[in-house]
Protein backbone atom coordinates (compact mmCIF):
# COMPACT_ATOMS: atom_id res chain seq x y z
CA MET A 1 0.00 0.00 0.00
CA GLU A 2 2.91 2.35 0.72
CA LEU A 3 4.32 1.71 -2.74
CA THR A 4 1.01 2.66 -4.34
CA ALA A 5 0.86 5.87 -2.29
CA GLU A 6 4.41 6.82 -3.38
CA ARG A 7 3.60 6.17 -7.04
CA THR A 8 0.42 8.25 -6.76
CA ALA A 9 2.32 11.10 -5.09
CA ASP A 10 5.08 10.98 -7.74
CA SER A 11 2.61 10.88 -10.63
CA THR A 12 0.60 13.74 -9.11
CA ALA A 13 3.75 15.86 -8.76
CA ALA A 14 4.75 15.06 -12.35
CA ASP A 15 1.26 15.92 -13.61
CA THR A 16 1.36 19.23 -11.74
CA THR A 17 4.78 20.08 -13.21
CA GLU A 18 3.63 19.19 -16.73
CA ALA A 19 0.42 21.18 -16.32
CA ALA A 20 2.35 24.22 -15.12
CA GLY A 21 4.80 23.93 -18.00
CA SER A 22 2.10 23.50 -20.61
CA THR A 23 0.08 26.38 -19.17
CA ALA A 24 3.07 28.68 -19.43
CA GLU A 25 3.63 27.57 -23.01
CA ARG A 26 0.00 28.06 -24.01
CA THR A 27 -0.51 31.60 -22.70
CA PRO A 28 -0.02 34.04 -25.57
CA GLU A 29 2.25 36.97 -24.96
CA ARG A 30 0.69 40.42 -24.91
CA PRO A 31 1.43 42.57 -27.96
CA THR A 32 3.99 45.32 -27.50
CA GLY A 33 1.34 47.98 -26.96
CA ARG A 34 1.20 49.42 -30.47
CA ARG A 35 -2.58 49.50 -30.23
CA ASP A 36 -2.38 51.43 -26.95
CA THR A 37 -0.14 54.08 -28.50
CA ASN A 38 -2.49 54.49 -31.46
CA GLY A 39 -5.34 55.06 -29.01
CA MET A 40 -3.25 57.62 -27.14
CA ALA A 41 -2.55 59.48 -30.38
CA VAL A 42 -6.25 59.62 -31.26
CA ALA A 43 -7.19 60.60 -27.69
CA SER A 44 -4.66 63.44 -27.70
CA PHE A 45 -6.09 64.74 -30.96
CA VAL A 46 -9.69 64.58 -29.71
CA LEU A 47 -8.87 66.13 -26.32
CA GLY A 48 -6.82 68.88 -27.96
CA LEU A 49 -9.71 69.66 -30.29
CA LEU A 50 -12.23 69.72 -27.45
CA GLY A 51 -9.85 71.80 -25.36
CA LEU A 52 -10.14 74.66 -27.83
CA LEU A 53 -13.77 75.00 -26.79
CA VAL A 54 -14.00 73.97 -23.13
CA LEU A 55 -11.73 73.18 -20.17
CA ASN A 56 -8.55 74.03 -22.04
CA ILE A 57 -6.64 74.43 -18.78
CA PHE A 58 -7.08 70.65 -18.21
CA LEU A 59 -7.48 69.19 -21.68
CA GLY A 60 -4.49 71.01 -23.19
CA PRO A 61 -1.86 69.50 -20.88
CA VAL A 62 -3.51 66.06 -21.06
CA ALA A 63 -3.38 66.20 -24.87
CA ILE A 64 0.28 67.22 -24.75
CA VAL A 65 1.20 64.38 -22.38
CA LEU A 66 -0.73 61.74 -24.33
CA ALA A 67 0.82 62.87 -27.62
CA GLY A 68 4.29 62.84 -26.10
CA ILE A 69 3.87 59.32 -24.71
CA ALA A 70 2.43 58.06 -28.00
CA LEU A 71 5.33 59.52 -29.98
CA TRP A 72 7.88 58.22 -27.49
CA ARG A 73 6.48 54.68 -27.70
CA GLY A 74 6.44 54.77 -31.50
CA THR A 75 2.84 55.09 -32.61
CA ASP A 76 1.75 54.29 -36.14
CA ARG A 77 -0.33 57.48 -36.17
CA LYS A 78 2.43 60.06 -35.87
CA GLY A 79 0.42 62.70 -37.73
CA ARG A 80 -2.49 62.42 -35.34
CA ALA A 81 -0.17 62.53 -32.33
CA LEU A 82 1.56 65.63 -33.71
CA LEU A 83 -1.82 67.27 -34.31
CA GLY A 84 -2.80 66.44 -30.74
CA LEU A 85 0.45 67.97 -29.52
CA GLY A 86 -0.13 71.11 -31.56
CA LEU A 87 -3.74 71.41 -30.44
CA GLY A 88 -2.71 70.95 -26.81
CA VAL A 89 -0.23 73.80 -27.13
CA ALA A 90 -2.88 75.86 -28.94
CA ASP A 91 -5.26 75.22 -26.02
CA LEU A 92 -2.79 76.77 -23.62
CA VAL A 93 -2.11 79.70 -25.96
CA VAL A 94 -5.84 80.40 -26.32
CA LEU A 95 -6.20 80.20 -22.55
CA GLY A 96 -3.32 82.63 -22.09
CA VAL A 97 -4.76 85.13 -24.56
CA LEU A 98 -8.27 84.99 -23.12
CA VAL A 99 -7.02 85.24 -19.55
CA SER A 100 -4.83 88.22 -20.39
CA MET A 101 -7.82 89.96 -21.96
CA ASP A 102 -9.99 89.40 -18.86
CA ASN A 103 -7.22 89.63 -16.22
CA THR A 104 -8.78 86.60 -14.47
CA VAL A 105 -8.15 82.88 -14.51
CA SER A 106 -11.73 82.16 -15.60
CA TRP A 107 -13.06 83.29 -18.91
CA GLY A 108 -16.25 83.04 -20.90
CA LEU A 109 -17.43 83.81 -24.40
CA ALA A 110 -20.26 86.06 -23.17
CA GLY A 111 -17.89 88.91 -22.25
């Protein structure tokens, strides 16, 4: 009976090792993140565009950061990331001009 228990324990340990090895071999590796950087480029463009109209004090810097990260990681959509970067900078320029005209941090289109 002891011999049967040892064989069962050995076979169970071998099965566990094989299962762990085969599980590690079967799990696909995650892509390098190219899709994530493309999304960041598009998001920077959209946020930069929206920032020209509303909340440019927040959306401008976010667009700049997202575009910078997307370009640094090597996005396929370099043009969109550069547009997002430009629009983010434009958001801050528009904010600066409007604030200097009102002499306040808040501004509105209704004068």
